[in-house]
Amino acid sequence: RLDRTLMIMLSLPFGLIGGVWALYLAGYNFSVAVSVGFIALAGIAVETAVVMLIYIDHQVREHPPRSLADLFEAVMHGAVLRVRPKLMTVATTMIGLTPIFITEGLGSDVMRRIALPMIGGMTTTTLLTLIVIPVVYYIWEGRKLNSQQEKSS
């Protein structure tokens, strides 16, 4: 479905924003290593958005909304189910990338440039996945629900 695809693709700009800010603050230039970090970040961002939409869709299908309040409840319940797993994913990724970013030694200059966009992007992608995607889903499905209710009455 095109609407779900567009919601998932919303995660990419938010990840890029965090990665670009991290590069800017660290004073790094764009390079092949940085682009590898952005590719990995894109994969993580899209995966978490897909899982968030799966959980929200599952809740909406399990409890079909008859009103906007029902839809809000289903979206909130689906999103809340993903808070702890998402935060655990971010924490383990950050914990895994931090030693790569702070080490000194042979090859560390390249590895830092791979890790930094991922660290910055994971921060902003977390905000997107936990806040923006459920809001966009609610607005989109709420409009469809309102139009269905108008047609039936």
N, C-alpha and C. Protein backbone atom coordinates (compact mmCIF):
# COMPACT_ATOMS: atom_id res chain seq x y z
N ARG A 1 0.83 -1.18 0.00
CA ARG A 1 0.00 0.00 0.00
C ARG A 1 0.87 1.24 0.00
N LEU A 2 0.52 2.15 -0.84
CA LEU A 2 1.32 3.36 -1.02
C LEU A 2 1.37 4.21 0.25
N ASP A 3 0.26 4.30 0.97
CA ASP A 3 0.26 5.13 2.17
C ASP A 3 1.22 4.60 3.22
N ARG A 4 1.28 3.28 3.38
CA ARG A 4 2.21 2.69 4.36
C ARG A 4 3.66 2.90 3.91
N THR A 5 3.88 2.77 2.62
CA THR A 5 5.24 2.97 2.09
C THR A 5 5.71 4.39 2.36
N LEU A 6 4.84 5.36 2.15
CA LEU A 6 5.22 6.76 2.40
C LEU A 6 5.47 7.01 3.88
N MET A 7 4.67 6.38 4.75
CA MET A 7 4.90 6.52 6.18
C MET A 7 6.27 5.94 6.57
N ILE A 8 6.60 4.82 5.98
CA ILE A 8 7.90 4.20 6.27
C ILE A 8 9.03 5.08 5.75
N MET A 9 8.85 5.63 4.57
CA MET A 9 9.90 6.47 3.98
C MET A 9 10.10 7.77 4.77
N LEU A 10 9.13 8.15 5.61
CA LEU A 10 9.30 9.32 6.47
C LEU A 10 10.47 9.15 7.43
N SER A 11 10.82 7.92 7.73
CA SER A 11 11.90 7.69 8.69
C SER A 11 13.26 8.09 8.13
N LEU A 12 13.42 8.07 6.83
CA LEU A 12 14.72 8.38 6.23
C LEU A 12 15.17 9.83 6.46
N PRO A 13 14.33 10.84 6.21
CA PRO A 13 14.79 12.21 6.46
C PRO A 13 15.16 12.46 7.93
N PHE A 14 14.41 11.86 8.85
CA PHE A 14 14.73 12.07 10.26
C PHE A 14 16.07 11.44 10.62
N GLY A 15 16.35 10.28 10.07
CA GLY A 15 17.66 9.67 10.29
C GLY A 15 18.77 10.48 9.68
N LEU A 16 18.53 10.98 8.48
CA LEU A 16 19.55 11.80 7.81
C LEU A 16 19.83 13.09 8.58
N ILE A 17 18.80 13.69 9.14
CA ILE A 17 18.98 14.93 9.90
C ILE A 17 19.94 14.69 11.07
N GLY A 18 19.70 13.63 11.82
CA GLY A 18 20.58 13.33 12.96
C GLY A 18 21.99 13.00 12.53
N GLY A 19 22.12 12.24 11.44
CA GLY A 19 23.45 11.89 10.95
C GLY A 19 24.22 13.09 10.45
N VAL A 20 23.54 13.97 9.72
CA VAL A 20 24.20 15.18 9.20
C VAL A 20 24.61 16.11 10.34
N TRP A 21 23.73 16.27 11.33
CA TRP A 21 24.09 17.10 12.48
C TRP A 21 25.29 16.53 13.22
N ALA A 22 25.33 15.23 13.38
CA ALA A 22 26.48 14.61 14.06
C ALA A 22 27.76 14.85 13.28
N LEU A 23 27.69 14.72 11.95
CA LEU A 23 28.87 14.99 11.12
C LEU A 23 29.31 16.44 11.25
N TYR A 24 28.35 17.34 11.22
CA TYR A 24 28.65 18.77 11.32
C TYR A 24 29.31 19.09 12.66
N LEU A 25 28.74 18.57 13.75
CA LEU A 25 29.28 18.85 15.08
C LEU A 25 30.67 18.25 15.28
N ALA A 26 30.93 17.11 14.64
CA ALA A 26 32.25 16.47 14.76
C ALA A 26 33.25 17.05 13.77
N GLY A 27 32.79 17.81 12.80
CA GLY A 27 33.67 18.40 11.81
C GLY A 27 34.14 17.43 10.74
N TYR A 28 33.36 16.36 10.51
CA TYR A 28 33.73 15.38 9.48
C TYR A 28 33.17 15.79 8.13
N ASN A 29 33.89 15.44 7.08
CA ASN A 29 33.41 15.64 5.72
C ASN A 29 32.75 14.36 5.23
N PHE A 30 31.96 14.50 4.18
CA PHE A 30 31.31 13.33 3.60
C PHE A 30 32.37 12.48 2.89
N SER A 31 32.32 11.18 3.12
CA SER A 31 33.29 10.26 2.52
C SER A 31 32.61 8.92 2.27
N VAL A 32 33.35 7.99 1.71
CA VAL A 32 32.81 6.65 1.47
C VAL A 32 32.43 6.00 2.79
N ALA A 33 33.27 6.13 3.81
CA ALA A 33 32.97 5.54 5.11
C ALA A 33 31.70 6.15 5.71
N VAL A 34 31.54 7.45 5.58
CA VAL A 34 30.34 8.11 6.08
C VAL A 34 29.11 7.60 5.33
N SER A 35 29.23 7.42 4.03
CA SER A 35 28.09 6.92 3.26
C SER A 35 27.73 5.50 3.67
N VAL A 36 28.70 4.68 4.04
CA VAL A 36 28.41 3.34 4.56
C VAL A 36 27.61 3.45 5.85
N GLY A 37 27.99 4.38 6.71
CA GLY A 37 27.23 4.61 7.94
C GLY A 37 25.81 5.04 7.66
N PHE A 38 25.62 5.89 6.65
CA PHE A 38 24.27 6.33 6.30
C PHE A 38 23.44 5.19 5.71
N ILE A 39 24.07 4.31 4.95
CA ILE A 39 23.35 3.16 4.41
C ILE A 39 22.88 2.25 5.54
N ALA A 40 23.75 2.00 6.50
CA ALA A 40 23.36 1.19 7.65
C ALA A 40 22.26 1.87 8.45
N LEU A 41 22.36 3.17 8.62
CA LEU A 41 21.34 3.94 9.33
C LEU A 41 19.99 3.85 8.61
N ALA A 42 20.01 3.94 7.29
CA ALA A 42 18.76 3.84 6.52
C ALA A 42 18.10 2.49 6.75
N GLY A 43 18.88 1.44 6.78
CA GLY A 43 18.32 0.11 7.03
C GLY A 43 17.68 0.00 8.40
N ILE A 44 18.34 0.52 9.40
CA ILE A 44 17.79 0.48 10.77
C ILE A 44 16.54 1.34 10.86
N ALA A 45 16.56 2.52 10.26
CA ALA A 45 15.42 3.43 10.34
C ALA A 45 14.19 2.83 9.66
N VAL A 46 14.37 2.27 8.49
CA VAL A 46 13.25 1.67 7.77
C VAL A 46 12.72 0.45 8.51
N GLU A 47 13.61 -0.36 9.04
CA GLU A 47 13.18 -1.57 9.77
C GLU A 47 12.34 -1.21 10.98
N THR A 48 12.76 -0.21 11.74
CA THR A 48 11.99 0.15 12.93
C THR A 48 10.65 0.77 12.56
N ALA A 49 10.60 1.51 11.47
CA ALA A 49 9.32 2.08 11.02
C ALA A 49 8.38 0.98 10.55
N VAL A 50 8.91 -0.02 9.86
CA VAL A 50 8.08 -1.14 9.41
C VAL A 50 7.48 -1.88 10.60
N VAL A 51 8.31 -2.15 11.59
CA VAL A 51 7.82 -2.88 12.76
C VAL A 51 6.78 -2.06 13.51
N MET A 52 6.99 -0.76 13.63
CA MET A 52 6.01 0.10 14.30
C MET A 52 4.67 0.05 13.57
N LEU A 53 4.69 0.14 12.25
CA LEU A 53 3.44 0.09 11.48
C LEU A 53 2.77 -1.27 11.59
N ILE A 54 3.55 -2.33 11.64
CA ILE A 54 2.98 -3.67 11.80
C ILE A 54 2.22 -3.76 13.12
N TYR A 55 2.82 -3.28 14.19
CA TYR A 55 2.16 -3.33 15.49
C TYR A 55 0.90 -2.47 15.51
N ILE A 56 0.97 -1.28 14.95
CA ILE A 56 -0.21 -0.41 14.94
C ILE A 56 -1.31 -1.02 14.07
N ASP A 57 -0.95 -1.50 12.88
CA ASP A 57 -1.94 -2.15 12.00
C ASP A 57 -2.59 -3.34 12.68
N HIS A 58 -1.80 -4.11 13.40
CA HIS A 58 -2.34 -5.29 14.10
C HIS A 58 -3.38 -4.86 15.13
N GLN A 59 -3.09 -3.81 15.89
CA GLN A 59 -4.04 -3.34 16.89
C GLN A 59 -5.32 -2.80 16.24
N VAL A 60 -5.17 -2.10 15.13
CA VAL A 60 -6.35 -1.55 14.45
C VAL A 60 -7.20 -2.68 13.88
N ARG A 61 -6.56 -3.74 13.36
CA ARG A 61 -7.33 -4.88 12.85
C ARG A 61 -7.97 -5.69 13.97
N GLU A 62 -7.27 -5.83 15.09
CA GLU A 62 -7.81 -6.58 16.22
C GLU A 62 -9.02 -5.87 16.84
N HIS A 63 -8.97 -4.56 16.88
CA HIS A 63 -10.03 -3.75 17.47
C HIS A 63 -10.47 -2.70 16.46
N PRO A 64 -11.31 -3.09 15.48
CA PRO A 64 -11.70 -2.14 14.43
C PRO A 64 -12.36 -0.90 15.03
N PRO A 65 -11.86 0.27 14.67
CA PRO A 65 -12.39 1.50 15.27
C PRO A 65 -13.74 1.88 14.67
N ARG A 66 -14.63 2.31 15.55
CA ARG A 66 -15.92 2.83 15.10
C ARG A 66 -15.95 4.35 15.19
N SER A 67 -14.99 4.89 15.93
CA SER A 67 -14.91 6.35 16.09
C SER A 67 -13.44 6.75 16.14
N LEU A 68 -13.21 8.05 16.12
CA LEU A 68 -11.84 8.55 16.22
C LEU A 68 -11.22 8.20 17.57
N ALA A 69 -12.04 8.16 18.61
CA ALA A 69 -11.53 7.78 19.93
C ALA A 69 -11.05 6.33 19.93
N ASP A 70 -11.81 5.45 19.27
CA ASP A 70 -11.39 4.04 19.17
C ASP A 70 -10.09 3.93 18.37
N LEU A 71 -10.00 4.69 17.28
CA LEU A 71 -8.79 4.67 16.47
C LEU A 71 -7.60 5.18 17.27
N PHE A 72 -7.80 6.26 18.01
CA PHE A 72 -6.73 6.81 18.84
C PHE A 72 -6.25 5.77 19.86
N GLU A 73 -7.19 5.09 20.47
CA GLU A 73 -6.84 4.07 21.47
C GLU A 73 -6.05 2.93 20.84
N ALA A 74 -6.47 2.48 19.67
CA ALA A 74 -5.76 1.38 18.99
C ALA A 74 -4.36 1.81 18.56
N VAL A 75 -4.23 3.01 18.02
CA VAL A 75 -2.91 3.51 17.59
C VAL A 75 -2.00 3.67 18.80
N MET A 76 -2.52 4.24 19.87
CA MET A 76 -1.70 4.43 21.07
C MET A 76 -1.26 3.08 21.64
N HIS A 77 -2.17 2.13 21.68
CA HIS A 77 -1.82 0.81 22.23
C HIS A 77 -0.75 0.14 21.38
N GLY A 78 -0.89 0.21 20.07
CA GLY A 78 0.11 -0.38 19.18
C GLY A 78 1.46 0.30 19.30
N ALA A 79 1.45 1.62 19.44
CA ALA A 79 2.71 2.36 19.57
C ALA A 79 3.37 2.10 20.92
N VAL A 80 2.58 2.03 21.97
CA VAL A 80 3.14 1.79 23.30
C VAL A 80 3.78 0.41 23.39
N LEU A 81 3.22 -0.55 22.67
CA LEU A 81 3.83 -1.89 22.66
C LEU A 81 5.24 -1.87 22.09
N ARG A 82 5.56 -0.87 21.29
CA ARG A 82 6.88 -0.80 20.66
C ARG A 82 7.88 0.08 21.40
N VAL A 83 7.48 0.76 22.45
CA VAL A 83 8.39 1.69 23.13
C VAL A 83 9.60 0.96 23.71
N ARG A 84 9.36 -0.03 24.54
CA ARG A 84 10.48 -0.73 25.18
C ARG A 84 11.37 -1.44 24.17
N PRO A 85 10.81 -2.22 23.21
CA PRO A 85 11.70 -2.84 22.23
C PRO A 85 12.50 -1.83 21.41
N LYS A 86 11.89 -0.71 21.05
CA LYS A 86 12.61 0.31 20.28
C LYS A 86 13.73 0.92 21.11
N LEU A 87 13.45 1.26 22.35
CA LEU A 87 14.49 1.85 23.20
C LEU A 87 15.61 0.85 23.48
N MET A 88 15.27 -0.43 23.60
CA MET A 88 16.30 -1.45 23.79
C MET A 88 17.16 -1.59 22.54
N THR A 89 16.54 -1.53 21.37
CA THR A 89 17.30 -1.60 20.12
C THR A 89 18.25 -0.41 20.00
N VAL A 90 17.76 0.77 20.30
CA VAL A 90 18.60 1.97 20.23
C VAL A 90 19.74 1.86 21.25
N ALA A 91 19.42 1.43 22.46
CA ALA A 91 20.45 1.34 23.50
C ALA A 91 21.54 0.35 23.10
N THR A 92 21.16 -0.82 22.60
CA THR A 92 22.18 -1.81 22.23
C THR A 92 23.00 -1.34 21.03
N THR A 93 22.35 -0.66 20.09
CA THR A 93 23.09 -0.13 18.94
C THR A 93 24.08 0.94 19.39
N MET A 94 23.63 1.84 20.25
CA MET A 94 24.52 2.90 20.75
C MET A 94 25.66 2.31 21.57
N ILE A 95 25.35 1.35 22.42
CA ILE A 95 26.39 0.72 23.23
C ILE A 95 27.40 0.00 22.34
N GLY A 96 26.92 -0.61 21.27
CA GLY A 96 27.82 -1.29 20.35
C GLY A 96 28.66 -0.34 19.51
N LEU A 97 28.10 0.80 19.17
CA LEU A 97 28.83 1.75 18.32
C LEU A 97 29.76 2.68 19.10
N THR A 98 29.48 2.90 20.36
CA THR A 98 30.29 3.83 21.15
C THR A 98 31.76 3.40 21.23
N PRO A 99 32.08 2.14 21.52
CA PRO A 99 33.50 1.76 21.52
C PRO A 99 34.16 1.94 20.16
N ILE A 100 33.41 1.69 19.10
CA ILE A 100 33.95 1.89 17.76
C ILE A 100 34.28 3.37 17.55
N PHE A 101 33.42 4.23 18.06
CA PHE A 101 33.61 5.67 17.86
C PHE A 101 34.74 6.23 18.71
N ILE A 102 34.97 5.71 19.91
CA ILE A 102 35.96 6.33 20.80
C ILE A 102 37.33 5.66 20.78
N THR A 103 37.49 4.55 20.08
CA THR A 103 38.78 3.86 20.08
C THR A 103 39.82 4.63 19.29
N GLU A 104 41.05 4.39 19.66
CA GLU A 104 42.21 4.93 18.95
C GLU A 104 42.98 3.75 18.39
N GLY A 105 43.56 3.92 17.25
CA GLY A 105 44.38 2.85 16.72
C GLY A 105 44.22 2.73 15.22
N LEU A 106 44.82 1.68 14.71
CA LEU A 106 44.82 1.44 13.27
C LEU A 106 43.40 1.26 12.74
N GLY A 107 43.00 2.05 11.79
CA GLY A 107 41.69 1.94 11.16
C GLY A 107 40.57 2.64 11.91
N SER A 108 40.87 3.20 13.08
CA SER A 108 39.81 3.82 13.87
C SER A 108 39.25 5.08 13.21
N ASP A 109 40.07 5.77 12.42
CA ASP A 109 39.58 6.97 11.76
C ASP A 109 38.48 6.64 10.75
N VAL A 110 38.59 5.51 10.09
CA VAL A 110 37.55 5.08 9.14
C VAL A 110 36.32 4.59 9.90
N MET A 111 36.54 3.81 10.94
CA MET A 111 35.41 3.25 11.70
C MET A 111 34.59 4.34 12.39
N ARG A 112 35.25 5.40 12.84
CA ARG A 112 34.52 6.51 13.46
C ARG A 112 33.55 7.14 12.46
N ARG A 113 33.97 7.25 11.24
CA ARG A 113 33.13 7.87 10.21
C ARG A 113 31.97 6.98 9.81
N ILE A 114 32.09 5.70 10.06
CA ILE A 114 30.96 4.79 9.84
C ILE A 114 29.99 4.88 11.02
N ALA A 115 30.53 4.93 12.23
CA ALA A 115 29.70 4.89 13.43
C ALA A 115 28.97 6.20 13.71
N LEU A 116 29.60 7.32 13.43
CA LEU A 116 29.01 8.61 13.82
C LEU A 116 27.65 8.90 13.18
N PRO A 117 27.47 8.72 11.87
CA PRO A 117 26.12 8.98 11.33
C PRO A 117 25.06 8.06 11.92
N MET A 118 25.46 6.85 12.26
CA MET A 118 24.50 5.92 12.86
C MET A 118 24.12 6.37 14.26
N ILE A 119 25.09 6.84 15.04
CA ILE A 119 24.79 7.31 16.39
C ILE A 119 23.88 8.53 16.35
N GLY A 120 24.19 9.51 15.51
CA GLY A 120 23.36 10.70 15.40
C GLY A 120 21.98 10.40 14.84
N GLY A 121 21.94 9.56 13.81
CA GLY A 121 20.67 9.24 13.18
C GLY A 121 19.76 8.39 14.03
N MET A 122 20.33 7.51 14.84
CA MET A 122 19.49 6.68 15.72
C MET A 122 18.74 7.54 16.73
N THR A 123 19.36 8.62 17.15
CA THR A 123 18.71 9.51 18.11
C THR A 123 17.46 10.14 17.50
N THR A 124 17.59 10.70 16.31
CA THR A 124 16.44 11.36 15.69
C THR A 124 15.42 10.35 15.15
N THR A 125 15.89 9.22 14.69
CA THR A 125 14.97 8.19 14.19
C THR A 125 14.09 7.65 15.31
N THR A 126 14.64 7.58 16.51
CA THR A 126 13.85 7.13 17.66
C THR A 126 12.66 8.05 17.88
N LEU A 127 12.92 9.35 17.82
CA LEU A 127 11.82 10.30 17.99
C LEU A 127 10.77 10.13 16.91
N LEU A 128 11.21 9.92 15.68
CA LEU A 128 10.26 9.74 14.59
C LEU A 128 9.41 8.50 14.82
N THR A 129 10.06 7.40 15.09
CA THR A 129 9.34 6.14 15.18
C THR A 129 8.34 6.15 16.33
N LEU A 130 8.70 6.74 17.43
CA LEU A 130 7.83 6.71 18.60
C LEU A 130 6.75 7.79 18.60
N ILE A 131 6.97 8.87 17.86
CA ILE A 131 6.01 9.98 17.91
C ILE A 131 5.36 10.25 16.56
N VAL A 132 6.16 10.50 15.54
CA VAL A 132 5.62 11.00 14.28
C VAL A 132 4.84 9.94 13.52
N ILE A 133 5.35 8.72 13.43
CA ILE A 133 4.64 7.69 12.66
C ILE A 133 3.26 7.39 13.23
N PRO A 134 3.10 7.21 14.57
CA PRO A 134 1.73 7.03 15.07
C PRO A 134 0.81 8.22 14.80
N VAL A 135 1.34 9.43 14.87
CA VAL A 135 0.52 10.62 14.61
C VAL A 135 0.09 10.65 13.14
N VAL A 136 1.02 10.40 12.23
CA VAL A 136 0.68 10.39 10.81
C VAL A 136 -0.32 9.28 10.52
N TYR A 137 -0.13 8.11 11.11
CA TYR A 137 -1.06 7.00 10.93
C TYR A 137 -2.46 7.39 11.41
N TYR A 138 -2.54 8.00 12.59
CA TYR A 138 -3.83 8.40 13.14
C TYR A 138 -4.52 9.43 12.24
N ILE A 139 -3.78 10.41 11.76
CA ILE A 139 -4.36 11.43 10.88
C ILE A 139 -4.86 10.79 9.59
N TRP A 140 -4.05 9.93 8.98
CA TRP A 140 -4.42 9.30 7.71
C TRP A 140 -5.63 8.39 7.87
N GLU A 141 -5.58 7.52 8.85
CA GLU A 141 -6.70 6.59 9.05
C GLU A 141 -7.93 7.31 9.58
N GLY A 142 -7.73 8.38 10.35
CA GLY A 142 -8.86 9.16 10.85
C GLY A 142 -9.63 9.82 9.72
N ARG A 143 -8.91 10.31 8.72
CA ARG A 143 -9.59 10.90 7.56
C ARG A 143 -10.39 9.84 6.81
N LYS A 144 -9.81 8.65 6.66
CA LYS A 144 -10.54 7.57 5.98
C LYS A 144 -11.76 7.16 6.80
N LEU A 145 -11.61 7.09 8.11
CA LEU A 145 -12.73 6.72 8.98
C LEU A 145 -13.84 7.76 8.90
N ASN A 146 -13.49 9.03 8.91
CA ASN A 146 -14.49 10.10 8.79
C ASN A 146 -15.23 10.03 7.47
N SER A 147 -14.52 9.78 6.38
CA SER A 147 -15.19 9.70 5.07
C SER A 147 -16.09 8.48 4.99
N GLN A 148 -15.71 7.38 5.62
CA GLN A 148 -16.57 6.19 5.64
C GLN A 148 -17.83 6.46 6.46
N GLN A 149 -17.69 7.16 7.58
CA GLN A 149 -18.84 7.47 8.41
C GLN A 149 -19.79 8.43 7.70
N GLU A 150 -19.26 9.37 6.94
CA GLU A 150 -20.11 10.30 6.19
C GLU A 150 -20.87 9.58 5.09
N LYS A 151 -20.24 8.61 4.44
CA LYS A 151 -20.91 7.85 3.39
C LYS A 151 -22.01 6.97 3.94
N SER A 152 -21.81 6.41 5.13
CA SER A 152 -22.80 5.50 5.70
C SER A 152 -24.00 6.25 6.29
N SER A 153 -23.83 7.54 6.62
CA SER A 153 -24.96 8.27 7.21
C SER A 153 -25.70 9.09 6.21
